[in-house]
Amino acid sequence: MAKLLSKSAARGLCPVQIGGHRLDEVTPDHIWSIAPFPGQEGALAAALPNGLPAPNRTAGRVGARLVWSGRAQAFWIGAAAPDAGLAQYAALSDQTDGWCVLKLSGPRVEAVLARVTPLDLHPGMFKRGHTARTLLGHMSAQITRLADGVEIMVFRSMAGTAVHEIEEAMKSVAARSVLSD
């Protein structure tokens, strides 16, 4: 009988460290999609520890946070699955195995990501706790500002492409830094 082994989405691709920037894979225990049933948004918000996040925002802490992911939907990202009692207010769908979560850190993450996304990631515009659905190269992505970097979520099937695109952008920023010194 074959023995199945669990592998992370970016296994063997991370970490990548270039020019003071670092790309790491993050493996949250749970990623759940939460979409309130019609007329249940208020009840769902009341049942959640920090309510539903506003559009393009996050709510909660790293241990159990909600990340806005589109109109009337959010991702629950955390160490524990959401309370099963929430199922009376919303559709809950385990998405843990469907996503690759990366963290980019370093002194010029905005310059790195400017090469692969159309978002204005300037810290004055895209502050801690801000999030957006956008493009990363040609892929759909969810980008969230953290206290110490940026979290990037892409579909699991795009993990290799995402790491490659970000790695090339990191090389470009590092080369420009060398040329300007």
Protein backbone atom coordinates (compact mmCIF):
# COMPACT_ATOMS: atom_id res chain seq x y z
CA MET A 1 0.00 0.00 0.00
CA ALA A 2 1.29 3.44 -0.90
CA LYS A 3 2.07 5.77 1.96
CA LEU A 4 0.96 9.34 1.27
CA LEU A 5 3.16 12.12 2.59
CA SER A 6 1.96 15.62 3.27
CA LYS A 7 4.04 18.26 1.49
CA SER A 8 3.83 22.01 1.78
CA ALA A 9 3.03 23.99 -1.37
CA ALA A 10 6.48 25.60 -1.66
CA ARG A 11 8.49 22.69 -0.31
CA GLY A 12 12.09 22.99 -1.47
CA LEU A 13 11.51 26.46 -2.96
CA CYS A 14 11.90 28.57 0.19
CA PRO A 15 13.58 30.24 1.90
CA VAL A 16 15.02 32.60 -0.71
CA GLN A 17 17.35 35.33 0.50
CA ILE A 18 18.65 38.00 -1.88
CA GLY A 19 19.94 41.50 -1.22
CA GLY A 20 18.57 41.89 2.28
CA HIS A 21 15.16 40.47 1.37
CA ARG A 22 13.83 37.12 2.44
CA LEU A 23 10.97 35.01 1.10
CA ASP A 24 9.66 32.30 3.41
CA GLU A 25 6.80 29.87 3.19
CA VAL A 26 4.28 30.13 6.01
CA THR A 27 2.16 27.09 6.77
CA PRO A 28 -0.92 28.10 8.77
CA ASP A 29 -2.73 25.26 10.49
CA HIS A 30 -6.06 26.36 9.04
CA ILE A 31 -7.41 28.52 6.23
CA TRP A 32 -11.20 28.57 6.05
CA SER A 33 -13.41 30.55 3.72
CA ILE A 34 -16.34 32.14 5.55
CA ALA A 35 -19.26 33.53 3.52
CA PRO A 36 -22.36 34.69 5.42
CA PHE A 37 -25.76 33.41 4.34
CA PRO A 38 -28.16 36.08 3.04
CA GLY A 39 -29.35 38.23 5.94
CA GLN A 40 -26.91 36.63 8.41
CA GLU A 41 -23.96 39.03 8.14
CA GLY A 42 -24.81 40.83 11.41
CA ALA A 43 -25.31 37.57 13.33
CA LEU A 44 -22.07 36.19 11.94
CA ALA A 45 -20.15 39.35 12.85
CA ALA A 46 -21.52 39.14 16.40
CA ALA A 47 -20.50 35.47 16.68
CA LEU A 48 -16.91 36.11 15.59
CA PRO A 49 -14.32 37.18 18.19
CA ASN A 50 -13.38 40.36 16.29
CA GLY A 51 -16.33 40.71 13.92
CA LEU A 52 -16.08 40.62 10.15
CA PRO A 53 -13.25 42.64 8.65
CA ALA A 54 -14.08 45.73 6.64
CA PRO A 55 -13.28 45.58 2.91
CA ASN A 56 -9.53 45.39 2.30
CA ARG A 57 -8.79 44.95 6.01
CA THR A 58 -7.97 42.24 8.52
CA ALA A 59 -9.37 41.63 12.00
CA GLY A 60 -7.86 39.74 14.90
CA ARG A 61 -4.39 38.53 15.64
CA VAL A 62 -2.02 36.05 14.03
CA GLY A 63 -3.36 33.16 16.16
CA ALA A 64 -6.86 33.56 14.72
CA ARG A 65 -7.40 36.37 12.26
CA LEU A 66 -9.92 37.16 9.59
CA VAL A 67 -8.71 38.48 6.26
CA TRP A 68 -11.20 40.13 3.89
CA SER A 69 -11.11 38.14 0.66
CA GLY A 70 -13.93 39.60 -1.40
CA ARG A 71 -17.48 40.87 -1.20
CA ALA A 72 -19.20 39.19 1.76
CA GLN A 73 -16.38 36.73 2.37
CA ALA A 74 -13.29 36.38 4.50
CA PHE A 75 -10.53 33.90 5.24
CA TRP A 76 -10.16 32.56 8.76
CA ILE A 77 -6.43 31.97 9.19
CA GLY A 78 -5.21 30.50 12.43
CA ALA A 79 -4.06 27.75 14.70
CA ALA A 80 -7.57 26.41 15.28
CA ALA A 81 -10.53 25.83 12.98
CA PRO A 82 -13.46 28.24 13.38
CA ASP A 83 -16.20 27.29 15.81
CA ALA A 84 -18.61 24.83 14.18
CA GLY A 85 -21.46 26.98 15.53
CA LEU A 86 -20.67 29.54 12.83
CA ALA A 87 -22.17 27.15 10.27
CA GLN A 88 -25.66 28.40 11.18
CA TYR A 89 -24.70 31.88 9.91
CA ALA A 90 -22.26 31.18 7.08
CA ALA A 91 -20.93 28.71 4.57
CA LEU A 92 -17.62 27.37 5.89
CA SER A 93 -15.14 25.76 3.54
CA ASP A 94 -11.72 24.39 4.49
CA GLN A 95 -9.22 25.92 2.06
CA THR A 96 -6.01 24.96 3.90
CA ASP A 97 -4.61 22.70 1.20
CA GLY A 98 -5.57 25.02 -1.65
CA TRP A 99 -3.27 27.93 -0.85
CA CYS A 100 0.43 28.69 -0.71
CA VAL A 101 1.23 31.37 1.85
CA LEU A 102 4.50 33.28 1.50
CA LYS A 103 6.04 36.03 3.61
CA LEU A 104 8.33 38.63 2.06
CA SER A 105 10.43 40.71 4.42
CA GLY A 106 13.28 43.15 4.06
CA PRO A 107 14.01 46.85 3.73
CA ARG A 108 12.36 47.44 0.33
CA VAL A 109 9.50 44.96 -0.02
CA GLU A 110 7.50 47.66 -1.82
CA ALA A 111 10.20 47.95 -4.51
CA VAL A 112 10.31 44.16 -4.91
CA LEU A 113 6.56 43.79 -5.26
CA ALA A 114 6.25 46.86 -7.52
CA ARG A 115 7.81 44.68 -10.20
CA VAL A 116 5.07 42.05 -10.02
CA THR A 117 1.86 43.71 -8.79
CA PRO A 118 -0.09 46.85 -9.72
CA LEU A 119 -0.86 47.71 -6.05
CA ASP A 120 0.50 50.87 -4.45
CA LEU A 121 2.21 49.25 -1.47
CA HIS A 122 3.72 52.45 -0.07
CA PRO A 123 3.47 52.13 3.74
CA GLY A 124 1.48 55.36 3.91
CA MET A 125 -1.18 53.91 1.62
CA PHE A 126 -1.08 50.17 2.34
CA LYS A 127 -0.68 50.02 6.12
CA ARG A 128 -0.45 47.14 8.56
CA GLY A 129 -3.70 45.18 8.44
CA HIS A 130 -4.54 46.26 4.89
CA THR A 131 -5.20 43.50 2.38
CA ALA A 132 -6.16 43.27 -1.29
CA ARG A 133 -7.06 40.74 -3.96
CA THR A 134 -4.82 41.56 -6.91
CA LEU A 135 -2.49 40.15 -9.51
CA LEU A 136 1.00 38.85 -8.85
CA GLY A 137 2.46 38.60 -12.32
CA HIS A 138 -0.32 36.78 -14.15
CA MET A 139 -1.70 35.02 -11.05
CA SER A 140 -4.47 35.93 -8.65
CA ALA A 141 -3.14 36.71 -5.19
CA GLN A 142 -4.15 38.03 -1.78
CA ILE A 143 -1.56 40.47 -0.41
CA THR A 144 -1.65 41.55 3.24
CA ARG A 145 0.61 44.03 5.06
CA LEU A 146 2.08 42.60 8.25
CA ALA A 147 4.06 44.35 10.98
CA ASP A 148 7.31 42.94 9.62
CA GLY A 149 6.68 42.36 5.92
CA VAL A 150 4.02 41.31 3.45
CA GLU A 151 2.03 38.09 3.30
CA ILE A 152 1.25 36.76 -0.17
CA MET A 153 -1.32 34.04 -0.78
CA VAL A 154 -1.56 32.32 -4.16
CA PHE A 155 -3.30 29.15 -5.27
CA ARG A 156 -1.24 26.10 -4.37
CA SER A 157 -0.86 25.16 -8.03
CA MET A 158 0.94 28.48 -8.62
CA ALA A 159 3.46 28.18 -5.77
CA GLY A 160 6.48 27.54 -7.99
CA THR A 161 5.59 30.36 -10.36
CA ALA A 162 4.98 32.78 -7.50
CA VAL A 163 8.31 32.01 -5.84
CA HIS A 164 10.09 32.37 -9.20
CA GLU A 165 8.42 35.73 -9.97
CA ILE A 166 9.22 37.15 -6.53
CA GLU A 167 12.78 35.79 -6.64
CA GLU A 168 13.39 37.53 -9.99
CA ALA A 169 11.99 40.77 -8.55
CA MET A 170 14.29 40.41 -5.52
CA LYS A 171 17.27 39.98 -7.86
CA SER A 172 16.25 43.08 -9.80
CA VAL A 173 16.02 45.23 -6.67
CA ALA A 174 19.34 43.87 -5.39
CA ALA A 175 21.03 44.63 -8.73
CA ARG A 176 19.71 48.19 -8.72
CA SER A 177 21.04 48.65 -5.17
CA VAL A 178 24.50 47.50 -6.26
CA LEU A 179 24.45 49.81 -9.29
CA SER A 180 23.39 52.84 -7.23
CA ASP A 181 26.09 52.34 -4.57
